Amino acid sequence: MSNEEKIEKADLGWDDLVIMVCTKCGKQFSDINSQEAPERIKSELKMKAKPLHGSSARIITTSCLNICPVNKIAIVTASSAGSPVFKAFTVAPEISADELYQRIFKK
């Protein structure tokens, strides 16, 4: 097998926006609701974004994003619309999906 056969490019099926929510940030909290906040944020953002953006936006959890905010959760967005753009946010664990959606998706 040649080197080119070992690694092939794959189509993602989505390419406009990816939102990464750090799960490691939740581990710093003693409160169970705050510990579970990264998964809640991901799920709520998906429910909010799916009807309006379909599969063009992908919301995922990830391990450490190397931002490590104290008492907050790190979120990074990466957009490929035009030039690639990365934005980082640190949010309180009790943030609502509505508040976060408005901030991330506002034009």
PDB file of N, CA and C in Angstrom:
ATOM      1  N   MET A   1       0.839  -1.180   0.000  1.00  0.00           N
ATOM      2  CA  MET A   1       0.000   0.000   0.000  1.00  0.00           C
ATOM      3  C   MET A   1       0.889   1.251   0.000  1.00  0.00           C
ATOM      4  N   SER A   2       0.623   2.167  -0.919  1.00  0.00           N
ATOM      5  CA  SER A   2       1.430   3.390  -1.006  1.00  0.00           C
ATOM      6  C   SER A   2       1.028   4.358   0.100  1.00  0.00           C
ATOM      7  N   ASN A   3       1.882   5.348   0.332  1.00  0.00           N
ATOM      8  CA  ASN A   3       1.577   6.366   1.346  1.00  0.00           C
ATOM      9  C   ASN A   3       0.290   7.114   1.032  1.00  0.00           C
ATOM     10  N   GLU A   4       0.037   7.375  -0.249  1.00  0.00           N
ATOM     11  CA  GLU A   4      -1.184   8.077  -0.632  1.00  0.00           C
ATOM     12  C   GLU A   4      -2.421   7.235  -0.365  1.00  0.00           C
ATOM     13  N   GLU A   5      -2.309   5.924  -0.411  1.00  0.00           N
ATOM     14  CA  GLU A   5      -3.445   5.045  -0.128  1.00  0.00           C
ATOM     15  C   GLU A   5      -3.700   4.933   1.380  1.00  0.00           C
ATOM     16  N   LYS A   6      -2.687   5.178   2.196  1.00  0.00           N
ATOM     17  CA  LYS A   6      -2.841   5.055   3.651  1.00  0.00           C
ATOM     18  C   LYS A   6      -3.661   6.198   4.233  1.00  0.00           C
ATOM     19  N   ILE A   7      -3.534   7.373   3.636  1.00  0.00           N
ATOM     20  CA  ILE A   7      -4.252   8.542   4.134  1.00  0.00           C
ATOM     21  C   ILE A   7      -5.022   9.154   2.973  1.00  0.00           C
ATOM     22  N   GLU A   8      -6.328   9.166   3.099  1.00  0.00           N
ATOM     23  CA  GLU A   8      -7.167   9.744   2.066  1.00  0.00           C
ATOM     24  C   GLU A   8      -7.987  10.883   2.650  1.00  0.00           C
ATOM     25  N   LYS A   9      -8.276  11.872   1.830  1.00  0.00           N
ATOM     26  CA  LYS A   9      -9.173  12.939   2.248  1.00  0.00           C
ATOM     27  C   LYS A   9     -10.592  12.382   2.282  1.00  0.00           C
ATOM     28  N   ALA A  10     -11.384  12.888   3.231  1.00  0.00           N
ATOM     29  CA  ALA A  10     -12.768  12.454   3.355  1.00  0.00           C
ATOM     30  C   ALA A  10     -13.686  13.664   3.318  1.00  0.00           C
ATOM     31  N   ASP A  11     -14.877  13.477   2.782  1.00  0.00           N
ATOM     32  CA  ASP A  11     -15.869  14.546   2.785  1.00  0.00           C
ATOM     33  C   ASP A  11     -16.558  14.562   4.135  1.00  0.00           C
ATOM     34  N   LEU A  12     -16.679  15.754   4.726  1.00  0.00           N
ATOM     35  CA  LEU A  12     -17.298  15.891   6.037  1.00  0.00           C
ATOM     36  C   LEU A  12     -18.820  15.845   5.977  1.00  0.00           C
ATOM     37  N   GLY A  13     -19.413  16.425   4.967  1.00  0.00           N
ATOM     38  CA  GLY A  13     -20.852  16.541   4.921  1.00  0.00           C
ATOM     39  C   GLY A  13     -21.319  17.807   5.628  1.00  0.00           C
ATOM     40  N   TRP A  14     -20.415  18.500   6.262  1.00  0.00           N
ATOM     41  CA  TRP A  14     -20.687  19.802   6.891  1.00  0.00           C
ATOM     42  C   TRP A  14     -19.420  20.619   6.764  1.00  0.00           C
ATOM     43  N   ASP A  15     -19.578  21.909   6.597  1.00  0.00           N
ATOM     44  CA  ASP A  15     -18.355  22.693   6.438  1.00  0.00           C
ATOM     45  C   ASP A  15     -18.488  24.160   6.815  1.00  0.00           C
ATOM     46  N   ASP A  16     -19.650  24.584   7.288  1.00  0.00           N
ATOM     47  CA  ASP A  16     -19.814  26.000   7.585  1.00  0.00           C
ATOM     48  C   ASP A  16     -19.303  26.386   8.961  1.00  0.00           C
ATOM     49  N   LEU A  17     -19.654  25.607   9.980  1.00  0.00           N
ATOM     50  CA  LEU A  17     -19.324  25.984  11.348  1.00  0.00           C
ATOM     51  C   LEU A  17     -19.238  24.750  12.233  1.00  0.00           C
ATOM     52  N   VAL A  18     -18.212  24.694  13.054  1.00  0.00           N
ATOM     53  CA  VAL A  18     -18.112  23.673  14.083  1.00  0.00           C
ATOM     54  C   VAL A  18     -17.969  24.398  15.418  1.00  0.00           C
ATOM     55  N   ILE A  19     -18.727  23.937  16.406  1.00  0.00           N
ATOM     56  CA  ILE A  19     -18.679  24.490  17.754  1.00  0.00           C
ATOM     57  C   ILE A  19     -18.178  23.386  18.664  1.00  0.00           C
ATOM     58  N   MET A  20     -17.062  23.644  19.342  1.00  0.00           N
ATOM     59  CA  MET A  20     -16.449  22.651  20.222  1.00  0.00           C
ATOM     60  C   MET A  20     -16.634  23.088  21.675  1.00  0.00           C
ATOM     61  N   VAL A  21     -17.230  22.213  22.476  1.00  0.00           N
ATOM     62  CA  VAL A  21     -17.488  22.500  23.885  1.00  0.00           C
ATOM     63  C   VAL A  21     -16.581  21.594  24.713  1.00  0.00           C
ATOM     64  N   CYS A  22     -15.763  22.184  25.571  1.00  0.00           N
ATOM     65  CA  CYS A  22     -14.792  21.425  26.358  1.00  0.00           C
ATOM     66  C   CYS A  22     -15.482  20.659  27.492  1.00  0.00           C
ATOM     67  N   THR A  23     -15.298  19.358  27.512  1.00  0.00           N
ATOM     68  CA  THR A  23     -15.864  18.554  28.600  1.00  0.00           C
ATOM     69  C   THR A  23     -14.970  18.559  29.837  1.00  0.00           C
ATOM     70  N   LYS A  24     -13.692  18.787  29.651  1.00  0.00           N
ATOM     71  CA  LYS A  24     -12.780  18.797  30.799  1.00  0.00           C
ATOM     72  C   LYS A  24     -13.098  19.951  31.749  1.00  0.00           C
ATOM     73  N   CYS A  25     -13.579  21.062  31.210  1.00  0.00           N
ATOM     74  CA  CYS A  25     -13.922  22.217  32.045  1.00  0.00           C
ATOM     75  C   CYS A  25     -14.968  21.861  33.103  1.00  0.00           C
ATOM     76  N   GLY A  26     -15.892  20.974  32.781  1.00  0.00           N
ATOM     77  CA  GLY A  26     -16.932  20.601  33.733  1.00  0.00           C
ATOM     78  C   GLY A  26     -16.402  19.878  34.951  1.00  0.00           C
ATOM     79  N   LYS A  27     -15.251  19.264  34.823  1.00  0.00           N
ATOM     80  CA  LYS A  27     -14.685  18.475  35.928  1.00  0.00           C
ATOM     81  C   LYS A  27     -14.214  19.334  37.093  1.00  0.00           C
ATOM     82  N   GLN A  28     -14.066  20.638  36.886  1.00  0.00           N
ATOM     83  CA  GLN A  28     -13.585  21.510  37.964  1.00  0.00           C
ATOM     84  C   GLN A  28     -14.690  21.853  38.970  1.00  0.00           C
ATOM     85  N   PHE A  29     -15.939  21.593  38.618  1.00  0.00           N
ATOM     86  CA  PHE A  29     -17.057  21.988  39.475  1.00  0.00           C
ATOM     87  C   PHE A  29     -17.432  20.872  40.441  1.00  0.00           C
ATOM     88  N   SER A  30     -17.855  21.232  41.644  1.00  0.00           N
ATOM     89  CA  SER A  30     -18.325  20.241  42.608  1.00  0.00           C
ATOM     90  C   SER A  30     -19.813  19.959  42.414  1.00  0.00           C
ATOM     91  N   ASP A  31     -20.546  20.911  41.864  1.00  0.00           N
ATOM     92  CA  ASP A  31     -21.978  20.789  41.618  1.00  0.00           C
ATOM     93  C   ASP A  31     -22.224  19.897  40.391  1.00  0.00           C
ATOM     94  N   ILE A  32     -23.064  18.884  40.529  1.00  0.00           N
ATOM     95  CA  ILE A  32     -23.311  17.929  39.446  1.00  0.00           C
ATOM     96  C   ILE A  32     -23.911  18.611  38.218  1.00  0.00           C
ATOM     97  N   ASN A  33     -24.778  19.609  38.414  1.00  0.00           N
ATOM     98  CA  ASN A  33     -25.355  20.308  37.265  1.00  0.00           C
ATOM     99  C   ASN A  33     -24.284  21.046  36.474  1.00  0.00           C
ATOM    100  N   SER A  34     -23.338  21.635  37.161  1.00  0.00           N
ATOM    101  CA  SER A  34     -22.242  22.330  36.476  1.00  0.00           C
ATOM    102  C   SER A  34     -21.305  21.339  35.802  1.00  0.00           C
ATOM    103  N   GLN A  35     -21.082  20.182  36.428  1.00  0.00           N
ATOM    104  CA  GLN A  35     -20.226  19.154  35.834  1.00  0.00           C
ATOM    105  C   GLN A  35     -20.812  18.663  34.514  1.00  0.00           C
ATOM    106  N   GLU A  36     -22.127  18.597  34.452  1.00  0.00           N
ATOM    107  CA  GLU A  36     -22.804  18.095  33.253  1.00  0.00           C
ATOM    108  C   GLU A  36     -23.114  19.198  32.244  1.00  0.00           C
ATOM    109  N   ALA A  37     -22.746  20.435  32.562  1.00  0.00           N
ATOM    110  CA  ALA A  37     -23.055  21.575  31.700  1.00  0.00           C
ATOM    111  C   ALA A  37     -22.520  21.442  30.273  1.00  0.00           C
ATOM    112  N   PRO A  38     -21.294  20.953  30.045  1.00  0.00           N
ATOM    113  CA  PRO A  38     -20.832  20.852  28.651  1.00  0.00           C
ATOM    114  C   PRO A  38     -21.748  19.985  27.780  1.00  0.00           C
ATOM    115  N   GLU A  39     -22.199  18.860  28.296  1.00  0.00           N
ATOM    116  CA  GLU A  39     -23.111  17.996  27.532  1.00  0.00           C
ATOM    117  C   GLU A  39     -24.462  18.675  27.331  1.00  0.00           C
ATOM    118  N   ARG A  40     -24.953  19.370  28.365  1.00  0.00           N
ATOM    119  CA  ARG A  40     -26.230  20.087  28.257  1.00  0.00           C
ATOM    120  C   ARG A  40     -26.127  21.188  27.205  1.00  0.00           C
ATOM    121  N   ILE A  41     -25.038  21.951  27.257  1.00  0.00           N
ATOM    122  CA  ILE A  41     -24.835  23.033  26.298  1.00  0.00           C
ATOM    123  C   ILE A  41     -24.814  22.472  24.879  1.00  0.00           C
ATOM    124  N   LYS A  42     -24.079  21.395  24.670  1.00  0.00           N
ATOM    125  CA  LYS A  42     -24.010  20.773  23.338  1.00  0.00           C
ATOM    126  C   LYS A  42     -25.400  20.359  22.868  1.00  0.00           C
ATOM    127  N   SER A  43     -26.137  19.658  23.718  1.00  0.00           N
ATOM    128  CA  SER A  43     -27.461  19.162  23.331  1.00  0.00           C
ATOM    129  C   SER A  43     -28.430  20.301  23.026  1.00  0.00           C
ATOM    130  N   GLU A  44     -28.441  21.307  23.888  1.00  0.00           N
ATOM    131  CA  GLU A  44     -29.362  22.425  23.686  1.00  0.00           C
ATOM    132  C   GLU A  44     -29.002  23.239  22.450  1.00  0.00           C
ATOM    133  N   LEU A  45     -27.716  23.445  22.216  1.00  0.00           N
ATOM    134  CA  LEU A  45     -27.319  24.178  21.008  1.00  0.00           C
ATOM    135  C   LEU A  45     -27.689  23.405  19.746  1.00  0.00           C
ATOM    136  N   LYS A  46     -27.530  22.086  19.792  1.00  0.00           N
ATOM    137  CA  LYS A  46     -27.915  21.259  18.646  1.00  0.00           C
ATOM    138  C   LYS A  46     -29.401  21.411  18.351  1.00  0.00           C
ATOM    139  N   MET A  47     -30.225  21.329  19.405  1.00  0.00           N
ATOM    140  CA  MET A  47     -31.670  21.447  19.213  1.00  0.00           C
ATOM    141  C   MET A  47     -32.037  22.817  18.650  1.00  0.00           C
ATOM    142  N   LYS A  48     -31.325  23.837  19.074  1.00  0.00           N
ATOM    143  CA  LYS A  48     -31.597  25.204  18.620  1.00  0.00           C
ATOM    144  C   LYS A  48     -31.103  25.417  17.184  1.00  0.00           C
ATOM    145  N   ALA A  49     -29.931  24.911  16.858  1.00  0.00           N
ATOM    146  CA  ALA A  49     -29.304  25.171  15.554  1.00  0.00           C
ATOM    147  C   ALA A  49     -29.835  24.283  14.434  1.00  0.00           C
ATOM    148  N   LYS A  50     -30.206  23.065  14.739  1.00  0.00           N
ATOM    149  CA  LYS A  50     -30.583  22.100  13.696  1.00  0.00           C
ATOM    150  C   LYS A  50     -31.713  22.603  12.789  1.00  0.00           C
ATOM    151  N   PRO A  51     -32.827  23.130  13.338  1.00  0.00           N
ATOM    152  CA  PRO A  51     -33.901  23.577  12.448  1.00  0.00           C
ATOM    153  C   PRO A  51     -33.498  24.724  11.518  1.00  0.00           C
ATOM    154  N   LEU A  52     -32.601  25.569  11.962  1.00  0.00           N
ATOM    155  CA  LEU A  52     -32.223  26.737  11.172  1.00  0.00           C
ATOM    156  C   LEU A  52     -30.998  26.528  10.289  1.00  0.00           C
ATOM    157  N   HIS A  53     -30.101  25.657  10.728  1.00  0.00           N
ATOM    158  CA  HIS A  53     -28.832  25.497  10.012  1.00  0.00           C
ATOM    159  C   HIS A  53     -28.619  24.094   9.458  1.00  0.00           C
ATOM    160  N   GLY A  54     -29.485  23.157   9.819  1.00  0.00           N
ATOM    161  CA  GLY A  54     -29.353  21.784   9.339  1.00  0.00           C
ATOM    162  C   GLY A  54     -27.997  21.209   9.680  1.00  0.00           C
ATOM    163  N   SER A  55     -27.396  20.566   8.713  1.00  0.00           N
ATOM    164  CA  SER A  55     -26.095  19.932   8.960  1.00  0.00           C
ATOM    165  C   SER A  55     -24.923  20.857   8.650  1.00  0.00           C
ATOM    166  N   SER A  56     -25.200  22.128   8.350  1.00  0.00           N
ATOM    167  CA  SER A  56     -24.093  23.036   8.044  1.00  0.00           C
ATOM    168  C   SER A  56     -23.342  23.470   9.299  1.00  0.00           C
ATOM    169  N   ALA A  57     -23.973  23.292  10.473  1.00  0.00           N
ATOM    170  CA  ALA A  57     -23.304  23.584  11.748  1.00  0.00           C
ATOM    171  C   ALA A  57     -23.186  22.287  12.534  1.00  0.00           C
ATOM    172  N   ARG A  58     -22.029  22.052  13.071  1.00  0.00           N
ATOM    173  CA  ARG A  58     -21.769  20.835  13.845  1.00  0.00           C
ATOM    174  C   ARG A  58     -21.387  21.242  15.256  1.00  0.00           C
ATOM    175  N   ILE A  59     -22.063  20.686  16.271  1.00  0.00           N
ATOM    176  CA  ILE A  59     -21.765  20.986  17.669  1.00  0.00           C
ATOM    177  C   ILE A  59     -21.264  19.706  18.315  1.00  0.00           C
ATOM    178  N   ILE A  60     -20.036  19.767  18.852  1.00  0.00           N
ATOM    179  CA  ILE A  60     -19.414  18.570  19.414  1.00  0.00           C
ATOM    180  C   ILE A  60     -18.780  18.882  20.768  1.00  0.00           C
ATOM    181  N   THR A  61     -18.607  17.844  21.569  1.00  0.00           N
ATOM    182  CA  THR A  61     -17.810  17.987  22.783  1.00  0.00           C
ATOM    183  C   THR A  61     -16.400  17.513  22.457  1.00  0.00           C
ATOM    184  N   THR A  62     -15.460  18.065  23.186  1.00  0.00           N
ATOM    185  CA  THR A  62     -14.061  17.719  22.966  1.00  0.00           C
ATOM    186  C   THR A  62     -13.330  17.754  24.301  1.00  0.00           C
ATOM    187  N   SER A  63     -12.152  17.228  24.326  1.00  0.00           N
ATOM    188  CA  SER A  63     -11.336  17.322  25.539  1.00  0.00           C
ATOM    189  C   SER A  63     -10.735  18.722  25.608  1.00  0.00           C
ATOM    190  N   CYS A  64      -9.764  18.914  26.397  1.00  0.00           N
ATOM    191  CA  CYS A  64      -9.210  20.233  26.706  1.00  0.00           C
ATOM    192  C   CYS A  64      -8.902  21.069  25.457  1.00  0.00           C
ATOM    193  N   LEU A  65      -9.386  22.306  25.482  1.00  0.00           N
ATOM    194  CA  LEU A  65      -9.107  23.265  24.412  1.00  0.00           C
ATOM    195  C   LEU A  65      -7.938  24.176  24.765  1.00  0.00           C
ATOM    196  N   ASN A  66      -7.328  23.929  25.916  1.00  0.00           N
ATOM    197  CA  ASN A  66      -6.152  24.654  26.396  1.00  0.00           C
ATOM    198  C   ASN A  66      -6.436  26.137  26.673  1.00  0.00           C
ATOM    199  N   ILE A  67      -7.673  26.424  27.064  1.00  0.00           N
ATOM    200  CA  ILE A  67      -8.042  27.772  27.497  1.00  0.00           C
ATOM    201  C   ILE A  67      -8.151  27.779  29.019  1.00  0.00           C
ATOM    202  N   CYS A  68      -8.738  26.735  29.584  1.00  0.00           N
ATOM    203  CA  CYS A  68      -8.809  26.462  31.017  1.00  0.00           C
ATOM    204  C   CYS A  68      -9.293  27.640  31.867  1.00  0.00           C
ATOM    205  N   PRO A  69     -10.512  28.121  31.616  1.00  0.00           N
ATOM    206  CA  PRO A  69     -11.033  29.210  32.430  1.00  0.00           C
ATOM    207  C   PRO A  69     -11.443  28.714  33.818  1.00  0.00           C
ATOM    208  N   VAL A  70     -11.262  29.536  34.823  1.00  0.00           N
ATOM    209  CA  VAL A  70     -11.666  29.178  36.183  1.00  0.00           C
ATOM    210  C   VAL A  70     -13.165  29.438  36.306  1.00  0.00           C
ATOM    211  N   ASN A  71     -13.896  28.417  36.760  1.00  0.00           N
ATOM    212  CA  ASN A  71     -15.343  28.491  36.986  1.00  0.00           C
ATOM    213  C   ASN A  71     -16.151  28.789  35.727  1.00  0.00           C
ATOM    214  N   LYS A  72     -15.606  28.469  34.578  1.00  0.00           N
ATOM    215  CA  LYS A  72     -16.320  28.653  33.319  1.00  0.00           C
ATOM    216  C   LYS A  72     -16.007  27.477  32.400  1.00  0.00           C
ATOM    217  N   ILE A  73     -16.667  27.452  31.260  1.00  0.00           N
ATOM    218  CA  ILE A  73     -16.487  26.398  30.277  1.00  0.00           C
ATOM    219  C   ILE A  73     -15.973  27.024  28.985  1.00  0.00           C
ATOM    220  N   ALA A  74     -14.970  26.405  28.392  1.00  0.00           N
ATOM    221  CA  ALA A  74     -14.379  26.908  27.146  1.00  0.00           C
ATOM    222  C   ALA A  74     -15.166  26.391  25.947  1.00  0.00           C
ATOM    223  N   ILE A  75     -15.417  27.302  25.019  1.00  0.00           N
ATOM    224  CA  ILE A  75     -16.095  26.964  23.770  1.00  0.00           C
ATOM    225  C   ILE A  75     -15.331  27.644  22.648  1.00  0.00           C
ATOM    226  N   VAL A  76     -15.058  26.890  21.581  1.00  0.00           N
ATOM    227  CA  VAL A  76     -14.371  27.437  20.422  1.00  0.00           C
ATOM    228  C   VAL A  76     -15.234  27.180  19.197  1.00  0.00           C
ATOM    229  N   THR A  77     -15.359  28.212  18.365  1.00  0.00           N
ATOM    230  CA  THR A  77     -16.060  28.055  17.099  1.00  0.00           C
ATOM    231  C   THR A  77     -15.052  28.195  15.971  1.00  0.00           C
ATOM    232  N   ALA A  78     -15.260  27.416  14.938  1.00  0.00           N
ATOM    233  CA  ALA A  78     -14.427  27.496  13.745  1.00  0.00           C
ATOM    234  C   ALA A  78     -15.351  27.547  12.545  1.00  0.00           C
ATOM    235  N   SER A  79     -15.192  28.583  11.737  1.00  0.00           N
ATOM    236  CA  SER A  79     -16.038  28.772  10.569  1.00  0.00           C
ATOM    237  C   SER A  79     -15.179  28.758   9.316  1.00  0.00           C
ATOM    238  N   SER A  80     -15.696  28.133   8.275  1.00  0.00           N
ATOM    239  CA  SER A  80     -14.956  28.112   7.017  1.00  0.00           C
ATOM    240  C   SER A  80     -15.615  28.997   5.966  1.00  0.00           C
ATOM    241  N   ALA A  81     -16.630  29.745   6.376  1.00  0.00           N
ATOM    242  CA  ALA A  81     -17.281  30.665   5.442  1.00  0.00           C
ATOM    243  C   ALA A  81     -16.296  31.789   5.128  1.00  0.00           C
ATOM    244  N   GLY A  82     -15.851  31.870   3.890  1.00  0.00           N
ATOM    245  CA  GLY A  82     -14.808  32.840   3.522  1.00  0.00           C
ATOM    246  C   GLY A  82     -13.474  32.352   4.053  1.00  0.00           C
ATOM    247  N   SER A  83     -12.744  33.231   4.716  1.00  0.00           N
ATOM    248  CA  SER A  83     -11.483  32.843   5.349  1.00  0.00           C
ATOM    249  C   SER A  83     -11.800  32.113   6.646  1.00  0.00           C
ATOM    250  N   PRO A  84     -11.034  31.089   7.008  1.00  0.00           N
ATOM    251  CA  PRO A  84     -11.284  30.403   8.277  1.00  0.00           C
ATOM    252  C   PRO A  84     -11.202  31.376   9.452  1.00  0.00           C
ATOM    253  N   VAL A  85     -12.182  31.296  10.334  1.00  0.00           N
ATOM    254  CA  VAL A  85     -12.239  32.172  11.500  1.00  0.00           C
ATOM    255  C   VAL A  85     -12.446  31.316  12.744  1.00  0.00           C
ATOM    256  N   PHE A  86     -11.619  31.537  13.745  1.00  0.00           N
ATOM    257  CA  PHE A  86     -11.748  30.850  15.019  1.00  0.00           C
ATOM    258  C   PHE A  86     -12.105  31.887  16.071  1.00  0.00           C
ATOM    259  N   LYS A  87     -13.067  31.557  16.938  1.00  0.00           N
ATOM    260  CA  LYS A  87     -13.426  32.430  18.051  1.00  0.00           C
ATOM    261  C   LYS A  87     -13.497  31.569  19.308  1.00  0.00           C
ATOM    262  N   ALA A  88     -13.058  32.135  20.412  1.00  0.00           N
ATOM    263  CA  ALA A  88     -13.099  31.423  21.689  1.00  0.00           C
ATOM    264  C   ALA A  88     -13.991  32.188  22.658  1.00  0.00           C
ATOM    265  N   PHE A  89     -14.746  31.426  23.448  1.00  0.00           N
ATOM    266  CA  PHE A  89     -15.621  31.995  24.458  1.00  0.00           C
ATOM    267  C   PHE A  89     -15.396  31.240  25.761  1.00  0.00           C
ATOM    268  N   THR A  90     -15.570  31.911  26.872  1.00  0.00           N
ATOM    269  CA  THR A  90     -15.627  31.235  28.160  1.00  0.00           C
ATOM    270  C   THR A  90     -16.984  31.591  28.741  1.00  0.00           C
ATOM    271  N   VAL A  91     -17.739  30.574  29.152  1.00  0.00           N
ATOM    272  CA  VAL A  91     -19.112  30.802  29.581  1.00  0.00           C
ATOM    273  C   VAL A  91     -19.365  30.193  30.947  1.00  0.00           C
ATOM    274  N   ALA A  92     -20.286  30.803  31.671  1.00  0.00           N
ATOM    275  CA  ALA A  92     -20.711  30.251  32.954  1.00  0.00           C
ATOM    276  C   ALA A  92     -21.484  28.965  32.693  1.00  0.00           C
ATOM    277  N   PRO A  93     -21.382  27.983  33.587  1.00  0.00           N
ATOM    278  CA  PRO A  93     -22.047  26.710  33.349  1.00  0.00           C
ATOM    279  C   PRO A  93     -23.565  26.812  33.258  1.00  0.00           C
ATOM    280  N   GLU A  94     -24.138  27.868  33.822  1.00  0.00           N
ATOM    281  CA  GLU A  94     -25.593  28.008  33.785  1.00  0.00           C
ATOM    282  C   GLU A  94     -26.091  28.766  32.551  1.00  0.00           C
ATOM    283  N   ILE A  95     -25.210  29.078  31.599  1.00  0.00           N
ATOM    284  CA  ILE A  95     -25.607  29.808  30.389  1.00  0.00           C
ATOM    285  C   ILE A  95     -26.746  29.074  29.688  1.00  0.00           C
ATOM    286  N   SER A  96     -27.673  29.825  29.166  1.00  0.00           N
ATOM    287  CA  SER A  96     -28.767  29.190  28.417  1.00  0.00           C
ATOM    288  C   SER A  96     -28.354  29.040  26.958  1.00  0.00           C
ATOM    289  N   ALA A  97     -28.951  28.062  26.308  1.00  0.00           N
ATOM    290  CA  ALA A  97     -28.666  27.853  24.891  1.00  0.00           C
ATOM    291  C   ALA A  97     -29.100  29.058  24.077  1.00  0.00           C
ATOM    292  N   ASP A  98     -30.183  29.707  24.479  1.00  0.00           N
ATOM    293  CA  ASP A  98     -30.643  30.898  23.762  1.00  0.00           C
ATOM    294  C   ASP A  98     -29.596  32.002  23.788  1.00  0.00           C
ATOM    295  N   GLU A  99     -29.047  32.270  24.978  1.00  0.00           N
ATOM    296  CA  GLU A  99     -28.023  33.312  25.111  1.00  0.00           C
ATOM    297  C   GLU A  99     -26.790  32.980  24.262  1.00  0.00           C
ATOM    298  N   LEU A 100     -26.352  31.739  24.352  1.00  0.00           N
ATOM    299  CA  LEU A 100     -25.156  31.324  23.629  1.00  0.00           C
ATOM    300  C   LEU A 100     -25.398  31.322  22.123  1.00  0.00           C
ATOM    301  N   TYR A 101     -26.546  30.831  21.712  1.00  0.00           N
ATOM    302  CA  TYR A 101     -26.893  30.804  20.293  1.00  0.00           C
ATOM    303  C   TYR A 101     -26.861  32.215  19.708  1.00  0.00           C
ATOM    304  N   GLN A 102     -27.476  33.159  20.410  1.00  0.00           N
ATOM    305  CA  GLN A 102     -27.502  34.543  19.931  1.00  0.00           C
ATOM    306  C   GLN A 102     -26.090  35.094  19.769  1.00  0.00           C
ATOM    307  N   ARG A 103     -25.219  34.771  20.685  1.00  0.00           N
ATOM    308  CA  ARG A 103     -23.841  35.271  20.624  1.00  0.00           C
ATOM    309  C   ARG A 103     -23.055  34.630  19.491  1.00  0.00           C
ATOM    310  N   ILE A 104     -23.187  33.329  19.344  1.00  0.00           N
ATOM    311  CA  ILE A 104     -22.403  32.614  18.337  1.00  0.00           C
ATOM    312  C   ILE A 104     -22.932  32.840  16.920  1.00  0.00           C
ATOM    313  N   PHE A 105     -24.253  32.818  16.763  1.00  0.00           N
ATOM    314  CA  PHE A 105     -24.829  32.864  15.426  1.00  0.00           C
ATOM    315  C   PHE A 105     -25.242  34.266  14.981  1.00  0.00           C
ATOM    316  N   LYS A 106     -25.074  35.268  15.848  1.00  0.00           N
ATOM    317  CA  LYS A 106     -25.467  36.615  15.404  1.00  0.00           C
ATOM    318  C   LYS A 106     -24.584  37.044  14.253  1.00  0.00           C
ATOM    319  N   LYS A 107     -25.177  37.708  13.332  1.00  0.00           N
ATOM    320  CA  LYS A 107     -24.446  38.108  12.115  1.00  0.00           C
ATOM    321  C   LYS A 107     -23.827  39.460  12.312  1.00  0.00           C
TER     322      LYS A 107
END
